[in-house]
Structures are given as structure tokens and as C-alpha cells.
Amino acid sequence: MSDTTFSCTRCQQRGPSLEKPPFPNALGQRIHAGICQSCWQQWLQKQNQLMNHYGLNTMDPDHRAMLLDNLKGFLFNEGSTSQIDTSLEGTITHISK
């Protein structure tokens, strides 16, 4: 855990920074410099939801691009984010044979 606290660009709250950049590129540096641990954890949950809902495969370049677009929308409010239809949540049942 990092002891460094700063004002997060997403939530505008003071919080601990990430220990290290999540990616070895400029975007990773940007996230490390401006996103708190709490917002990063929220993104990871959202990413899992997107991957499960849309059946994404991180080996597919188009799927990775979609996740990166959503990451930028979620963390930096740049662009749009994909919506997850939760209208059937809790109503689907599995029928065993």
C-alpha cells in the first residue's frame, strides 16, 4: 500500500495513490499520478462487469480497445462508457435436467 495521499481527479477526494502504474505506458503513468486506490478498485469491478456482460476476450484487439475506451470514460470522463443492461438481474433462473 502506498502512503502517498493526493486529490484524485475522478472523485475529488483525498486518498492513497496506487503503489505503481497499472500499465507500462503513458496511460499507466496518468492513472498512477491522478487516480486513487478506491477509484481504481471501482474500475476493476466495472471492467469485470463489462467483460462478463459482453463476453470480452482480452486477446482480441477490438475488445481491448473497448475496455480502454471505457477505462478513459470511467476514470477521466473522456468519451462514452458502455452500459450494462441490468433489467433482468435476479429474474433469470437455471433449469437443471
C-alpha atoms as a PDB file:
ATOM      1  CA  MET A   1       0.000   0.000   0.000  1.00  0.00           C
ATOM      2  CA  SER A   2       1.152   3.468  -0.784  1.00  0.00           C
ATOM      3  CA  ASP A   3       1.336   6.086   1.945  1.00  0.00           C
ATOM      4  CA  THR A   4       1.107   8.939  -0.554  1.00  0.00           C
ATOM      5  CA  THR A   5      -2.235  10.750  -0.484  1.00  0.00           C
ATOM      6  CA  PHE A   6      -3.418  13.262  -3.038  1.00  0.00           C
ATOM      7  CA  SER A   7      -6.621  14.656  -4.515  1.00  0.00           C
ATOM      8  CA  CYS A   8      -7.991  12.151  -7.009  1.00  0.00           C
ATOM      9  CA  THR A   9      -9.013  13.601 -10.371  1.00  0.00           C
ATOM     10  CA  ARG A  10     -12.050  11.288 -10.575  1.00  0.00           C
ATOM     11  CA  CYS A  11     -13.665  11.536  -7.125  1.00  0.00           C
ATOM     12  CA  GLN A  12     -12.052  14.799  -5.973  1.00  0.00           C
ATOM     13  CA  GLN A  13     -11.344  13.175  -2.585  1.00  0.00           C
ATOM     14  CA  ARG A  14      -8.029  12.807  -0.861  1.00  0.00           C
ATOM     15  CA  GLY A  15      -6.912   9.210  -0.907  1.00  0.00           C
ATOM     16  CA  PRO A  16      -3.913   6.927  -1.230  1.00  0.00           C
ATOM     17  CA  SER A  17      -2.270   6.631  -4.607  1.00  0.00           C
ATOM     18  CA  LEU A  18      -1.588   3.363  -6.384  1.00  0.00           C
ATOM     19  CA  GLU A  19       1.704   1.722  -5.472  1.00  0.00           C
ATOM     20  CA  LYS A  20       2.827   1.725  -9.091  1.00  0.00           C
ATOM     21  CA  PRO A  21       1.404   2.448 -12.543  1.00  0.00           C
ATOM     22  CA  PRO A  22      -1.018  -0.282 -13.650  1.00  0.00           C
ATOM     23  CA  PHE A  23       0.386  -0.251 -17.223  1.00  0.00           C
ATOM     24  CA  PRO A  24       3.929   0.359 -18.505  1.00  0.00           C
ATOM     25  CA  ASN A  25       2.918   3.291 -20.723  1.00  0.00           C
ATOM     26  CA  ALA A  26       1.749   6.918 -20.613  1.00  0.00           C
ATOM     27  CA  LEU A  27      -1.806   5.924 -19.651  1.00  0.00           C
ATOM     28  CA  GLY A  28      -0.456   3.907 -16.718  1.00  0.00           C
ATOM     29  CA  GLN A  29       1.561   6.922 -15.583  1.00  0.00           C
ATOM     30  CA  ARG A  30      -1.512   9.144 -15.883  1.00  0.00           C
ATOM     31  CA  ILE A  31      -3.589   6.753 -13.785  1.00  0.00           C
ATOM     32  CA  HIS A  32      -0.825   6.482 -11.185  1.00  0.00           C
ATOM     33  CA  ALA A  33      -0.496  10.255 -10.964  1.00  0.00           C
ATOM     34  CA  GLY A  34      -4.189  11.075 -10.701  1.00  0.00           C
ATOM     35  CA  ILE A  35      -6.387   8.149  -9.640  1.00  0.00           C
ATOM     36  CA  CYS A  36      -6.775   6.932  -6.041  1.00  0.00           C
ATOM     37  CA  GLN A  37      -6.846   3.296  -4.984  1.00  0.00           C
ATOM     38  CA  SER A  38     -10.595   3.397  -4.326  1.00  0.00           C
ATOM     39  CA  CYS A  39     -11.444   4.641  -7.829  1.00  0.00           C
ATOM     40  CA  TRP A  40      -9.052   2.103  -9.353  1.00  0.00           C
ATOM     41  CA  GLN A  41     -10.824  -0.707  -7.470  1.00  0.00           C
ATOM     42  CA  GLN A  42     -14.176   0.623  -8.730  1.00  0.00           C
ATOM     43  CA  TRP A  43     -12.801   0.499 -12.275  1.00  0.00           C
ATOM     44  CA  LEU A  44     -11.626  -3.107 -11.832  1.00  0.00           C
ATOM     45  CA  GLN A  45     -15.150  -4.085 -10.750  1.00  0.00           C
ATOM     46  CA  LYS A  46     -16.646  -2.247 -13.737  1.00  0.00           C
ATOM     47  CA  GLN A  47     -14.117  -3.910 -16.052  1.00  0.00           C
ATOM     48  CA  ASN A  48     -15.160  -7.349 -14.774  1.00  0.00           C
ATOM     49  CA  GLN A  49     -18.814  -6.481 -15.330  1.00  0.00           C
ATOM     50  CA  LEU A  50     -18.092  -5.361 -18.902  1.00  0.00           C
ATOM     51  CA  MET A  51     -16.039  -8.464 -19.655  1.00  0.00           C
ATOM     52  CA  ASN A  52     -18.737 -10.781 -18.328  1.00  0.00           C
ATOM     53  CA  HIS A  53     -21.678  -8.912 -19.857  1.00  0.00           C
ATOM     54  CA  TYR A  54     -20.185  -8.586 -23.338  1.00  0.00           C
ATOM     55  CA  GLY A  55     -18.138 -11.804 -23.284  1.00  0.00           C
ATOM     56  CA  LEU A  56     -14.912  -9.923 -23.944  1.00  0.00           C
ATOM     57  CA  ASN A  57     -11.632 -11.667 -24.671  1.00  0.00           C
ATOM     58  CA  THR A  58      -8.556  -9.631 -23.754  1.00  0.00           C
ATOM     59  CA  MET A  59      -6.606 -11.366 -26.532  1.00  0.00           C
ATOM     60  CA  ASP A  60      -8.859  -9.653 -29.105  1.00  0.00           C
ATOM     61  CA  PRO A  61      -7.525  -6.181 -30.065  1.00  0.00           C
ATOM     62  CA  ASP A  62     -11.059  -4.829 -30.597  1.00  0.00           C
ATOM     63  CA  HIS A  63     -12.111  -5.994 -27.147  1.00  0.00           C
ATOM     64  CA  ARG A  64      -9.005  -4.423 -25.569  1.00  0.00           C
ATOM     65  CA  ALA A  65      -9.779  -1.162 -27.374  1.00  0.00           C
ATOM     66  CA  MET A  66     -13.332  -1.226 -25.991  1.00  0.00           C
ATOM     67  CA  LEU A  67     -12.016  -1.740 -22.463  1.00  0.00           C
ATOM     68  CA  LEU A  68      -9.511   1.101 -22.855  1.00  0.00           C
ATOM     69  CA  ASP A  69     -12.218   3.425 -24.161  1.00  0.00           C
ATOM     70  CA  ASN A  70     -14.396   2.535 -21.186  1.00  0.00           C
ATOM     71  CA  LEU A  71     -11.469   2.962 -18.797  1.00  0.00           C
ATOM     72  CA  LYS A  72     -10.863   6.509 -20.070  1.00  0.00           C
ATOM     73  CA  GLY A  73     -14.576   7.298 -19.844  1.00  0.00           C
ATOM     74  CA  PHE A  74     -14.875   5.854 -16.348  1.00  0.00           C
ATOM     75  CA  LEU A  75     -11.713   7.308 -14.803  1.00  0.00           C
ATOM     76  CA  PHE A  76     -11.260  10.557 -16.733  1.00  0.00           C
ATOM     77  CA  ASN A  77     -14.733  11.261 -18.145  1.00  0.00           C
ATOM     78  CA  GLU A  78     -13.270  11.213 -21.654  1.00  0.00           C
ATOM     79  CA  GLY A  79     -15.669   9.703 -24.140  1.00  0.00           C
ATOM     80  CA  SER A  80     -18.522   7.346 -23.520  1.00  0.00           C
ATOM     81  CA  THR A  81     -18.885   4.244 -21.423  1.00  0.00           C
ATOM     82  CA  SER A  82     -20.790   1.102 -22.382  1.00  0.00           C
ATOM     83  CA  GLN A  83     -23.963   0.428 -20.479  1.00  0.00           C
ATOM     84  CA  ILE A  84     -24.791  -2.898 -18.891  1.00  0.00           C
ATOM     85  CA  ASP A  85     -28.436  -3.939 -19.060  1.00  0.00           C
ATOM     86  CA  THR A  86     -29.405  -4.971 -15.542  1.00  0.00           C
ATOM     87  CA  SER A  87     -33.166  -5.038 -16.160  1.00  0.00           C
ATOM     88  CA  LEU A  88     -33.276  -8.856 -15.897  1.00  0.00           C
ATOM     89  CA  GLU A  89     -30.964  -9.061 -12.882  1.00  0.00           C
ATOM     90  CA  GLY A  90     -32.328 -11.520 -10.340  1.00  0.00           C
ATOM     91  CA  THR A  91     -35.033 -12.855 -12.652  1.00  0.00           C
ATOM     92  CA  ILE A  92     -33.082 -15.452 -14.615  1.00  0.00           C
ATOM     93  CA  THR A  93     -33.211 -19.000 -13.271  1.00  0.00           C
ATOM     94  CA  HIS A  94     -31.242 -22.043 -14.284  1.00  0.00           C
ATOM     95  CA  ILE A  95     -33.270 -25.142 -15.030  1.00  0.00           C
ATOM     96  CA  SER A  96     -31.473 -28.428 -14.403  1.00  0.00           C
ATOM     97  CA  LYS A  97     -32.302 -31.507 -16.438  1.00  0.00           C
END
